Amino acid sequence: MTIPDVVSRYYAAAAADDLDGVLGCFTADARVHDEDHDHHGIDEIRAWREGVASRFTYTTEIVGAEQLGDGAYVVSTHLEGDFPGGVVDLHQRFTVTADGLISELVI
């Protein structure tokens, strides 16, 4: 299965440490849920990326994807890096709007 272009752009921008590119993938009122916290809107998502999401260096490999419904996708990823444990497999849920932007990301 192919994933939406905006999700591919999100991963590419994140891998390139391109904060503006990452933020450009989200709607103005998007929500990111990570480590039991919600981050609403571009300003909070920026702070999340500059803080928690940038504490570690890691590589991300997309290993699978599934469309759950209209605009909802689960992307399975394999991460390796300098975070505790060094390796983790994640299932990240994206909601993509009809305009082709991410309105929600649950990690």
Foldseek 3Di string as FASTA:
>chain_A
DDDFPLVVQLLVCVLVVNLVSNLVQADQQAWEADPNDIQTGSVSVSVCCVPVVPPWDKHKDFDDKDAPDQQKMWTWIWIATDDVVRIDIDTKIFGADPVRHTRYIYD
